[in-house]
Protein backbone atom coordinates (compact mmCIF):
# COMPACT_ATOMS: atom_id res chain seq x y z
CA MET A 1 156.30 233.16 -24.54
CA THR A 2 153.98 231.08 -22.52
CA SER A 3 151.85 228.38 -23.91
CA SER A 4 148.11 228.43 -23.64
CA ARG A 5 148.29 225.38 -21.36
CA SER A 6 150.40 227.10 -18.67
CA TRP A 7 147.36 228.72 -17.06
CA ARG A 8 144.06 226.92 -17.00
CA PRO A 9 140.98 228.41 -15.35
CA GLU A 10 139.74 224.90 -14.53
CA ALA A 11 142.74 224.35 -12.26
CA ALA A 12 141.99 227.57 -10.38
CA LEU A 13 138.36 226.52 -9.92
CA LEU A 14 139.48 223.25 -8.35
CA TRP A 15 140.94 225.24 -5.45
CA LEU A 16 137.83 227.40 -4.92
CA PRO A 17 135.93 224.97 -2.63
CA LEU A 18 139.02 224.50 -0.49
CA VAL A 19 139.45 228.28 -0.19
CA VAL A 20 135.76 228.62 0.80
CA LEU A 21 136.24 225.86 3.38
CA VAL A 22 139.28 227.53 4.95
CA GLY A 23 137.59 230.94 4.86
CA GLY A 24 134.50 229.52 6.55
CA LEU A 25 136.62 227.97 9.29
CA ALA A 26 138.37 231.31 9.84
CA VAL A 27 135.02 233.12 10.17
CA VAL A 28 133.72 230.49 12.61
CA TRP A 29 136.94 230.86 14.64
CA ALA A 30 136.47 234.66 14.78
CA GLY A 31 132.87 234.26 15.98
CA ALA A 32 133.88 231.69 18.58
CA SER A 33 136.60 234.04 19.84
CA MET A 34 134.04 236.83 20.24
CA LEU A 35 131.73 234.42 22.08
CA ALA A 36 134.54 233.35 24.42
CA ASP A 37 135.36 236.99 25.17
CA VAL A 38 131.72 237.74 26.02
CA ASN A 39 131.52 234.66 28.26
CA ARG A 40 134.62 235.75 30.20
CA SER A 41 132.92 238.98 31.23
CA ALA A 42 131.17 239.45 34.56
CA GLY A 43 127.98 240.29 32.72
CA LEU A 44 125.90 243.34 31.92
CA PHE A 45 125.35 246.22 34.30
CA PRO A 46 123.03 249.18 33.86
CA GLY A 47 124.66 252.56 33.48
CA ARG A 48 123.63 256.17 33.04
CA VAL A 49 125.35 258.64 30.73
CA VAL A 50 126.56 261.56 32.84
CA ALA A 51 128.16 263.70 30.13
CA THR A 52 129.11 263.51 26.46
CA GLY A 53 132.02 265.00 24.56
CA VAL A 54 132.04 267.12 21.45
CA ARG A 55 130.96 265.70 18.09
CA GLU A 56 134.42 264.96 16.74
CA HIS A 57 135.52 262.83 19.68
CA ARG A 58 132.29 260.95 20.52
CA ILE A 59 133.10 260.13 24.12
CA ALA A 60 130.68 259.64 26.98
CA ASP A 61 131.17 259.56 30.73
CA VAL A 62 129.04 256.74 32.12
CA GLU A 63 128.24 256.01 35.75
CA TYR A 64 127.58 252.35 36.59
CA THR A 65 127.74 249.96 39.53
CA GLY A 66 130.15 247.10 38.84
CA PRO A 67 130.09 243.47 40.02
CA ASP A 68 131.82 244.41 43.27
CA GLY A 69 129.05 246.88 44.19
CA LEU A 70 131.18 250.00 43.72
CA THR A 71 129.86 252.82 41.57
CA ARG A 72 132.33 253.94 38.93
CA THR A 73 132.40 256.64 36.29
CA GLU A 74 134.34 255.77 33.16
CA THR A 75 134.81 257.38 29.78
CA PHE A 76 133.82 255.36 26.71
CA GLU A 77 134.08 255.98 23.00
CA TYR A 78 130.85 255.38 21.13
CA ASN A 79 129.39 255.35 17.62
CA ASP A 80 125.70 255.61 18.46
CA LYS A 81 124.31 259.07 17.69
CA ARG A 82 121.43 258.67 20.16
CA ILE A 83 123.60 258.84 23.29
CA ALA A 84 122.93 261.92 25.41
CA PRO A 85 123.27 262.83 29.08
CA GLY A 86 120.72 260.90 31.12
CA TYR A 87 120.52 258.09 28.57
CA ARG A 88 120.47 254.57 30.04
CA VAL A 89 123.00 252.09 28.64
CA LEU A 90 124.26 248.57 29.35
CA ILE A 91 127.91 248.12 30.26
CA ARG A 92 129.76 244.80 29.90
CA VAL A 93 132.54 244.45 32.49
CA TRP A 94 135.71 242.33 32.68
CA PRO A 95 136.98 242.95 36.24
CA GLY A 96 140.09 240.79 35.88
CA GLU A 97 141.25 242.83 32.90
CA ARG A 98 140.04 246.15 34.32
CA ARG A 99 138.06 246.62 31.12
CA ALA A 100 134.53 247.76 30.41
CA GLU A 101 132.70 248.67 27.20
CA PHE A 102 129.25 249.43 25.91
CA ASP A 103 127.27 246.30 25.18
CA GLU A 104 126.85 246.09 21.41
CA GLY A 105 124.41 243.22 21.50
CA ASP A 106 124.83 239.77 20.05
CA LYS A 107 127.63 240.30 17.53
CA HIS A 108 129.05 236.75 17.54
CA THR A 109 126.04 234.83 16.21
CA GLY A 110 126.30 236.15 12.63
CA PRO A 111 129.93 235.10 12.08
CA ILE A 112 129.30 231.67 13.60
CA VAL A 113 126.22 231.02 11.43
CA TYR A 114 127.66 232.38 8.18
CA GLY A 115 131.04 230.76 8.81
CA SER A 116 129.32 227.41 9.40
CA LEU A 117 127.42 227.76 6.12
CA LEU A 118 130.63 228.62 4.25
CA THR A 119 132.38 225.67 5.89
CA LEU A 120 129.61 223.26 4.87
CA LEU A 121 129.52 224.65 1.35
CA GLY A 122 133.31 224.42 1.01
CA ALA A 123 133.42 220.89 2.46
CA ALA A 124 130.64 219.68 0.14
CA GLY A 125 132.34 221.24 -2.87
CA THR A 126 135.69 219.75 -1.93
CA VAL A 127 134.19 216.27 -1.51
CA LEU A 128 132.29 216.51 -4.81
CA LEU A 129 135.39 217.60 -6.71
CA PHE A 130 137.46 214.87 -5.06
CA VAL A 131 134.89 212.20 -5.95
CA ARG A 132 134.58 213.55 -9.49
CA HIS A 133 138.35 213.60 -9.95
CA HIS A 134 138.97 210.14 -8.44
CA ARG A 135 135.81 208.35 -9.46
CA VAL A 136 135.99 204.64 -10.11
CA ARG A 137 135.10 203.67 -13.63
CA ARG A 138 132.61 200.87 -13.92
CA ARG A 139 133.35 197.97 -16.18
CA GLY A 140 130.45 197.13 -18.27
């Protein structure tokens, strides 16, 4: 049998701010990694959808002119239901990696902002619990 003192919910709550702090740092790191990947690209280039695949596969052939001035046609997978032949799209290109993808907009700002808020919340909670646990008693 276990005693009622073997598991205390208060002890688990003491670790919660530290877990929030570490989770916030992980989310900030993920956002910063996405930002670094976007900054390594050669930028955005306009493209035109030449053809699309069947519904199950959701692929589109896109013609675009890359950073070297050559016009290429590549096949991309997509999730947007509005893509049709003749549709104009933006392509983000990484020439050194021979990689290109549809530009999905600014997807790194959210993780950086929310991760920063979680990090601040976790740090404040950790400091408050540390101060509360190790507070100096006044002599009076």
